[in-house]
Amino acid sequence: MWRNSYLSMPRMHIYDCWGNWECRGISEWRKNVIEWFTGLREEGEILKVLFHEVKMEESETVAFVHCEVVFAAYMEESEEKLRQIANRFTFCLKKIEGYWVIAHQHSSLPIDMNTGKGMFHLR
């Protein structure tokens, strides 16, 4: 459960494969996410997000999660699948006042060593 005081967490740090190299603070990240989802909606698309191979480890105050995340875009009316990409994620969480809060997120993907380009379509 989120608490309003955590929605503007300035210490949050995100490394991302898309768009910006990194975001510092939830307000900067929120701006990117809203822009991305708004663009999909304007094109009549819906997004399905699937989490695979989720691994978690936690203590009383910190937790780490890593997994594969698949993003698939579909036409809203016909449900036709348009495209799909996969990414690897690591989330680092801290327990603050009884709530788990993402303090750091990192997304990555393998790169083609010959071209230097990310390989989004391995799965």
N, C-alpha and C. Protein backbone atom coordinates (compact mmCIF):
# COMPACT_ATOMS: atom_id res chain seq x y z
N MET A 1 0.84 -1.18 0.00
CA MET A 1 0.00 0.00 0.00
C MET A 1 0.88 1.24 0.00
N TRP A 2 0.55 2.21 -0.85
CA TRP A 2 1.31 3.45 -0.94
C TRP A 2 0.75 4.47 0.02
N ARG A 3 1.59 5.29 0.54
CA ARG A 3 1.18 6.43 1.36
C ARG A 3 1.59 7.67 0.61
N ASN A 4 0.78 8.72 0.71
CA ASN A 4 1.05 9.96 -0.02
C ASN A 4 2.44 10.51 0.23
N SER A 5 2.97 10.35 1.41
CA SER A 5 4.30 10.89 1.69
C SER A 5 5.37 10.22 0.86
N TYR A 6 5.12 9.00 0.37
CA TYR A 6 6.12 8.30 -0.41
C TYR A 6 5.99 8.56 -1.91
N LEU A 7 4.89 9.16 -2.34
CA LEU A 7 4.69 9.38 -3.77
C LEU A 7 5.64 10.42 -4.33
N SER A 8 6.25 11.22 -3.51
CA SER A 8 7.22 12.21 -4.00
C SER A 8 8.62 11.89 -3.49
N MET A 9 8.90 10.63 -3.27
CA MET A 9 10.18 10.20 -2.72
C MET A 9 11.36 10.70 -3.55
N PRO A 10 12.10 11.67 -3.08
CA PRO A 10 13.21 12.22 -3.87
C PRO A 10 14.40 11.28 -3.98
N ARG A 11 14.52 10.29 -3.09
CA ARG A 11 15.69 9.43 -3.10
C ARG A 11 15.57 8.27 -4.08
N MET A 12 14.42 8.07 -4.69
CA MET A 12 14.23 6.98 -5.64
C MET A 12 15.14 7.19 -6.85
N HIS A 13 15.76 6.11 -7.33
CA HIS A 13 16.70 6.22 -8.44
C HIS A 13 16.42 5.07 -9.41
N ILE A 14 16.17 5.40 -10.69
CA ILE A 14 15.82 4.40 -11.69
C ILE A 14 16.78 4.50 -12.87
N TYR A 15 17.40 3.37 -13.22
CA TYR A 15 18.15 3.25 -14.47
C TYR A 15 17.24 2.53 -15.45
N ASP A 16 17.14 3.05 -16.66
CA ASP A 16 16.18 2.51 -17.60
C ASP A 16 16.81 2.28 -18.96
N CYS A 17 16.24 1.35 -19.74
CA CYS A 17 16.72 1.07 -21.10
C CYS A 17 16.03 1.95 -22.13
N TRP A 18 14.95 2.61 -21.78
CA TRP A 18 14.16 3.36 -22.75
C TRP A 18 14.19 4.84 -22.40
N GLY A 19 14.26 5.65 -23.41
CA GLY A 19 14.15 7.10 -23.19
C GLY A 19 15.31 7.64 -22.40
N ASN A 20 15.05 8.04 -21.19
CA ASN A 20 16.07 8.64 -20.33
C ASN A 20 17.00 7.58 -19.76
N TRP A 21 18.25 7.96 -19.60
CA TRP A 21 19.25 7.07 -19.01
C TRP A 21 18.88 6.72 -17.58
N GLU A 22 18.38 7.73 -16.85
CA GLU A 22 18.02 7.53 -15.45
C GLU A 22 16.99 8.56 -15.03
N CYS A 23 16.29 8.25 -13.96
CA CYS A 23 15.35 9.18 -13.33
C CYS A 23 15.67 9.23 -11.85
N ARG A 24 15.64 10.41 -11.30
CA ARG A 24 15.86 10.57 -9.85
C ARG A 24 14.59 11.16 -9.26
N GLY A 25 13.95 10.37 -8.40
CA GLY A 25 12.72 10.81 -7.77
C GLY A 25 11.49 10.32 -8.51
N ILE A 26 10.44 10.04 -7.76
CA ILE A 26 9.23 9.47 -8.33
C ILE A 26 8.53 10.45 -9.27
N SER A 27 8.63 11.76 -9.04
CA SER A 27 7.93 12.71 -9.91
C SER A 27 8.52 12.70 -11.33
N GLU A 28 9.83 12.56 -11.45
CA GLU A 28 10.47 12.48 -12.76
C GLU A 28 10.07 11.19 -13.47
N TRP A 29 10.04 10.09 -12.74
CA TRP A 29 9.65 8.80 -13.31
C TRP A 29 8.17 8.82 -13.72
N ARG A 30 7.32 9.39 -12.86
CA ARG A 30 5.88 9.46 -13.16
C ARG A 30 5.65 10.16 -14.49
N LYS A 31 6.38 11.24 -14.75
CA LYS A 31 6.23 11.99 -16.00
C LYS A 31 6.51 11.08 -17.20
N ASN A 32 7.57 10.29 -17.15
CA ASN A 32 7.90 9.36 -18.24
C ASN A 32 6.82 8.30 -18.44
N VAL A 33 6.34 7.73 -17.34
CA VAL A 33 5.35 6.67 -17.43
C VAL A 33 4.03 7.20 -17.99
N ILE A 34 3.60 8.36 -17.52
CA ILE A 34 2.35 8.95 -18.03
C ILE A 34 2.45 9.23 -19.51
N GLU A 35 3.57 9.76 -19.95
CA GLU A 35 3.78 10.04 -21.37
C GLU A 35 3.70 8.75 -22.20
N TRP A 36 4.33 7.70 -21.71
CA TRP A 36 4.35 6.42 -22.42
C TRP A 36 2.95 5.83 -22.54
N PHE A 37 2.23 5.75 -21.40
CA PHE A 37 0.89 5.18 -21.43
C PHE A 37 -0.10 6.04 -22.21
N THR A 38 0.03 7.35 -22.14
CA THR A 38 -0.84 8.24 -22.89
C THR A 38 -0.65 8.02 -24.38
N GLY A 39 0.59 7.85 -24.83
CA GLY A 39 0.87 7.60 -26.24
C GLY A 39 0.22 6.32 -26.72
N LEU A 40 0.26 5.27 -25.91
CA LEU A 40 -0.38 4.01 -26.29
C LEU A 40 -1.88 4.20 -26.42
N ARG A 41 -2.48 4.87 -25.46
CA ARG A 41 -3.93 5.07 -25.45
C ARG A 41 -4.38 5.87 -26.68
N GLU A 42 -3.61 6.90 -27.05
CA GLU A 42 -3.96 7.72 -28.20
C GLU A 42 -3.95 6.91 -29.50
N GLU A 43 -3.12 5.86 -29.55
CA GLU A 43 -3.04 5.02 -30.74
C GLU A 43 -4.03 3.86 -30.70
N GLY A 44 -4.92 3.84 -29.68
CA GLY A 44 -5.92 2.78 -29.57
C GLY A 44 -5.35 1.45 -29.14
N GLU A 45 -4.27 1.48 -28.41
CA GLU A 45 -3.60 0.26 -27.97
C GLU A 45 -3.78 0.05 -26.47
N ILE A 46 -3.74 -1.20 -26.08
CA ILE A 46 -3.69 -1.54 -24.67
C ILE A 46 -2.40 -2.31 -24.44
N LEU A 47 -1.92 -2.26 -23.23
CA LEU A 47 -0.66 -2.90 -22.89
C LEU A 47 -0.91 -4.01 -21.88
N LYS A 48 -0.35 -5.17 -22.16
CA LYS A 48 -0.37 -6.26 -21.19
C LYS A 48 1.06 -6.46 -20.73
N VAL A 49 1.23 -6.57 -19.42
CA VAL A 49 2.56 -6.72 -18.82
C VAL A 49 2.59 -8.05 -18.07
N LEU A 50 3.57 -8.88 -18.42
CA LEU A 50 3.71 -10.19 -17.80
C LEU A 50 5.06 -10.27 -17.09
N PHE A 51 5.06 -10.85 -15.90
CA PHE A 51 6.28 -11.03 -15.13
C PHE A 51 6.63 -12.52 -15.13
N HIS A 52 7.89 -12.84 -15.49
CA HIS A 52 8.35 -14.23 -15.55
C HIS A 52 9.59 -14.40 -14.69
N GLU A 53 9.78 -15.61 -14.18
CA GLU A 53 10.97 -15.97 -13.42
C GLU A 53 11.26 -14.98 -12.29
N VAL A 54 10.23 -14.65 -11.53
CA VAL A 54 10.36 -13.70 -10.43
C VAL A 54 11.10 -14.36 -9.27
N LYS A 55 12.18 -13.74 -8.85
CA LYS A 55 12.99 -14.22 -7.72
C LYS A 55 13.03 -13.11 -6.68
N MET A 56 12.78 -13.46 -5.42
CA MET A 56 12.77 -12.47 -4.34
C MET A 56 13.64 -12.93 -3.18
N GLU A 57 14.24 -11.95 -2.55
CA GLU A 57 14.98 -12.21 -1.31
C GLU A 57 14.74 -11.00 -0.41
N GLU A 58 14.44 -11.27 0.85
CA GLU A 58 14.15 -10.15 1.73
C GLU A 58 14.66 -10.39 3.14
N SER A 59 14.90 -9.28 3.81
CA SER A 59 15.20 -9.30 5.23
C SER A 59 14.10 -8.47 5.89
N GLU A 60 14.31 -8.06 7.11
CA GLU A 60 13.30 -7.25 7.78
C GLU A 60 13.21 -5.84 7.22
N THR A 61 14.29 -5.34 6.61
CA THR A 61 14.30 -3.93 6.18
C THR A 61 14.56 -3.71 4.69
N VAL A 62 15.12 -4.70 3.99
CA VAL A 62 15.38 -4.54 2.55
C VAL A 62 14.94 -5.80 1.80
N ALA A 63 14.63 -5.60 0.52
CA ALA A 63 14.25 -6.73 -0.33
C ALA A 63 14.78 -6.48 -1.73
N PHE A 64 15.06 -7.56 -2.44
CA PHE A 64 15.53 -7.50 -3.81
C PHE A 64 14.66 -8.43 -4.65
N VAL A 65 14.26 -7.95 -5.81
CA VAL A 65 13.45 -8.73 -6.73
C VAL A 65 14.09 -8.61 -8.11
N HIS A 66 14.22 -9.74 -8.82
CA HIS A 66 14.64 -9.66 -10.21
C HIS A 66 13.77 -10.59 -11.02
N CYS A 67 13.51 -10.18 -12.27
CA CYS A 67 12.59 -10.93 -13.11
C CYS A 67 12.70 -10.47 -14.57
N GLU A 68 12.02 -11.21 -15.42
CA GLU A 68 11.85 -10.79 -16.81
C GLU A 68 10.46 -10.16 -16.90
N VAL A 69 10.36 -9.03 -17.60
CA VAL A 69 9.07 -8.38 -17.81
C VAL A 69 8.84 -8.29 -19.31
N VAL A 70 7.68 -8.79 -19.74
CA VAL A 70 7.31 -8.74 -21.15
C VAL A 70 6.20 -7.71 -21.30
N PHE A 71 6.41 -6.76 -22.21
CA PHE A 71 5.42 -5.74 -22.54
C PHE A 71 4.86 -6.08 -23.91
N ALA A 72 3.55 -6.29 -24.00
CA ALA A 72 2.91 -6.62 -25.28
C ALA A 72 1.79 -5.63 -25.56
N ALA A 73 1.82 -5.02 -26.76
CA ALA A 73 0.79 -4.05 -27.16
C ALA A 73 -0.23 -4.75 -28.05
N TYR A 74 -1.50 -4.49 -27.78
CA TYR A 74 -2.61 -5.06 -28.53
C TYR A 74 -3.53 -3.93 -28.98
N MET A 75 -4.19 -4.12 -30.12
CA MET A 75 -5.24 -3.21 -30.52
C MET A 75 -6.41 -3.43 -29.58
N GLU A 76 -6.93 -2.35 -29.03
CA GLU A 76 -7.97 -2.47 -28.01
C GLU A 76 -9.23 -3.14 -28.55
N GLU A 77 -9.68 -2.77 -29.73
CA GLU A 77 -10.93 -3.30 -30.26
C GLU A 77 -10.81 -4.74 -30.74
N SER A 78 -9.78 -5.05 -31.52
CA SER A 78 -9.67 -6.38 -32.12
C SER A 78 -8.85 -7.35 -31.27
N GLU A 79 -8.13 -6.85 -30.29
CA GLU A 79 -7.21 -7.63 -29.45
C GLU A 79 -6.08 -8.26 -30.26
N GLU A 80 -5.83 -7.72 -31.45
CA GLU A 80 -4.71 -8.18 -32.27
C GLU A 80 -3.40 -7.76 -31.62
N LYS A 81 -2.47 -8.71 -31.48
CA LYS A 81 -1.17 -8.42 -30.90
C LYS A 81 -0.32 -7.68 -31.94
N LEU A 82 0.18 -6.50 -31.56
CA LEU A 82 0.95 -5.66 -32.47
C LEU A 82 2.45 -5.85 -32.33
N ARG A 83 2.91 -5.91 -31.10
CA ARG A 83 4.35 -6.03 -30.86
C ARG A 83 4.58 -6.45 -29.41
N GLN A 84 5.79 -6.90 -29.16
CA GLN A 84 6.15 -7.34 -27.82
C GLN A 84 7.64 -7.16 -27.63
N ILE A 85 8.03 -6.74 -26.44
CA ILE A 85 9.44 -6.68 -26.08
C ILE A 85 9.62 -7.23 -24.67
N ALA A 86 10.79 -7.74 -24.39
CA ALA A 86 11.11 -8.27 -23.07
C ALA A 86 12.29 -7.49 -22.51
N ASN A 87 12.31 -7.36 -21.21
CA ASN A 87 13.33 -6.61 -20.51
C ASN A 87 13.63 -7.33 -19.19
N ARG A 88 14.81 -7.13 -18.65
CA ARG A 88 15.15 -7.68 -17.33
C ARG A 88 15.07 -6.54 -16.33
N PHE A 89 14.53 -6.83 -15.15
CA PHE A 89 14.39 -5.80 -14.12
C PHE A 89 14.96 -6.29 -12.79
N THR A 90 15.51 -5.36 -12.04
CA THR A 90 15.88 -5.57 -10.65
C THR A 90 15.26 -4.43 -9.85
N PHE A 91 14.58 -4.78 -8.78
CA PHE A 91 13.98 -3.79 -7.88
C PHE A 91 14.62 -3.95 -6.51
N CYS A 92 15.02 -2.84 -5.93
CA CYS A 92 15.55 -2.83 -4.57
C CYS A 92 14.56 -2.04 -3.72
N LEU A 93 14.06 -2.67 -2.67
CA LEU A 93 13.04 -2.05 -1.83
C LEU A 93 13.55 -1.86 -0.42
N LYS A 94 13.02 -0.84 0.25
CA LYS A 94 13.30 -0.59 1.66
C LYS A 94 11.98 -0.57 2.40
N LYS A 95 11.99 -1.08 3.61
CA LYS A 95 10.78 -1.00 4.43
C LYS A 95 10.88 0.28 5.26
N ILE A 96 9.93 1.17 5.06
CA ILE A 96 9.89 2.45 5.77
C ILE A 96 8.53 2.55 6.45
N GLU A 97 8.55 2.65 7.76
CA GLU A 97 7.33 2.76 8.57
C GLU A 97 6.33 1.66 8.23
N GLY A 98 6.84 0.43 8.00
CA GLY A 98 5.98 -0.71 7.74
C GLY A 98 5.56 -0.89 6.29
N TYR A 99 5.99 0.00 5.38
CA TYR A 99 5.62 -0.07 3.97
C TYR A 99 6.84 -0.37 3.11
N TRP A 100 6.69 -1.28 2.13
CA TRP A 100 7.75 -1.54 1.18
C TRP A 100 7.75 -0.45 0.13
N VAL A 101 8.91 0.18 -0.09
CA VAL A 101 9.06 1.28 -1.03
C VAL A 101 10.21 0.96 -1.98
N ILE A 102 9.97 1.11 -3.29
CA ILE A 102 11.04 0.88 -4.26
C ILE A 102 12.03 2.04 -4.14
N ALA A 103 13.26 1.71 -3.78
CA ALA A 103 14.30 2.72 -3.64
C ALA A 103 15.19 2.78 -4.88
N HIS A 104 15.25 1.67 -5.62
CA HIS A 104 16.10 1.62 -6.81
C HIS A 104 15.51 0.61 -7.78
N GLN A 105 15.50 0.98 -9.05
CA GLN A 105 15.05 0.05 -10.10
C GLN A 105 16.07 0.10 -11.22
N HIS A 106 16.36 -1.06 -11.78
CA HIS A 106 17.31 -1.13 -12.88
C HIS A 106 16.72 -2.04 -13.95
N SER A 107 16.68 -1.55 -15.19
CA SER A 107 16.25 -2.42 -16.29
C SER A 107 17.43 -2.61 -17.22
N SER A 108 17.50 -3.80 -17.79
CA SER A 108 18.62 -4.11 -18.68
C SER A 108 18.16 -5.11 -19.72
N LEU A 109 18.99 -5.28 -20.72
CA LEU A 109 18.76 -6.29 -21.74
C LEU A 109 20.09 -6.62 -22.36
N PRO A 110 20.20 -7.82 -22.93
CA PRO A 110 21.45 -8.17 -23.61
C PRO A 110 21.65 -7.26 -24.82
N ILE A 111 22.90 -7.05 -25.17
CA ILE A 111 23.19 -6.26 -26.38
C ILE A 111 23.91 -7.13 -27.39
N ASP A 112 23.71 -6.80 -28.64
CA ASP A 112 24.43 -7.46 -29.72
C ASP A 112 25.82 -6.83 -29.76
N MET A 113 26.84 -7.61 -29.52
CA MET A 113 28.20 -7.08 -29.43
C MET A 113 28.70 -6.53 -30.77
N ASN A 114 28.13 -6.97 -31.88
CA ASN A 114 28.54 -6.46 -33.19
C ASN A 114 27.92 -5.11 -33.53
N THR A 115 26.68 -4.91 -33.10
CA THR A 115 25.99 -3.66 -33.44
C THR A 115 25.88 -2.69 -32.28
N GLY A 116 26.02 -3.20 -31.05
CA GLY A 116 25.84 -2.35 -29.88
C GLY A 116 24.38 -2.07 -29.56
N LYS A 117 23.46 -2.72 -30.26
CA LYS A 117 22.02 -2.48 -30.06
C LYS A 117 21.45 -3.50 -29.08
N GLY A 118 20.44 -3.03 -28.34
CA GLY A 118 19.75 -3.91 -27.41
C GLY A 118 18.95 -4.98 -28.13
N MET A 119 18.90 -6.16 -27.52
CA MET A 119 18.15 -7.29 -28.10
C MET A 119 16.87 -7.47 -27.30
N PHE A 120 15.83 -6.70 -27.66
CA PHE A 120 14.56 -6.71 -26.95
C PHE A 120 13.72 -7.96 -27.25
N HIS A 121 13.99 -8.67 -28.32
CA HIS A 121 13.08 -9.71 -28.79
C HIS A 121 13.62 -11.12 -28.62
N LEU A 122 14.39 -11.38 -27.58
CA LEU A 122 14.95 -12.71 -27.38
C LEU A 122 13.88 -13.72 -26.94
N ARG A 123 12.82 -13.25 -26.31
CA ARG A 123 11.76 -14.17 -25.86
C ARG A 123 10.47 -13.79 -26.50
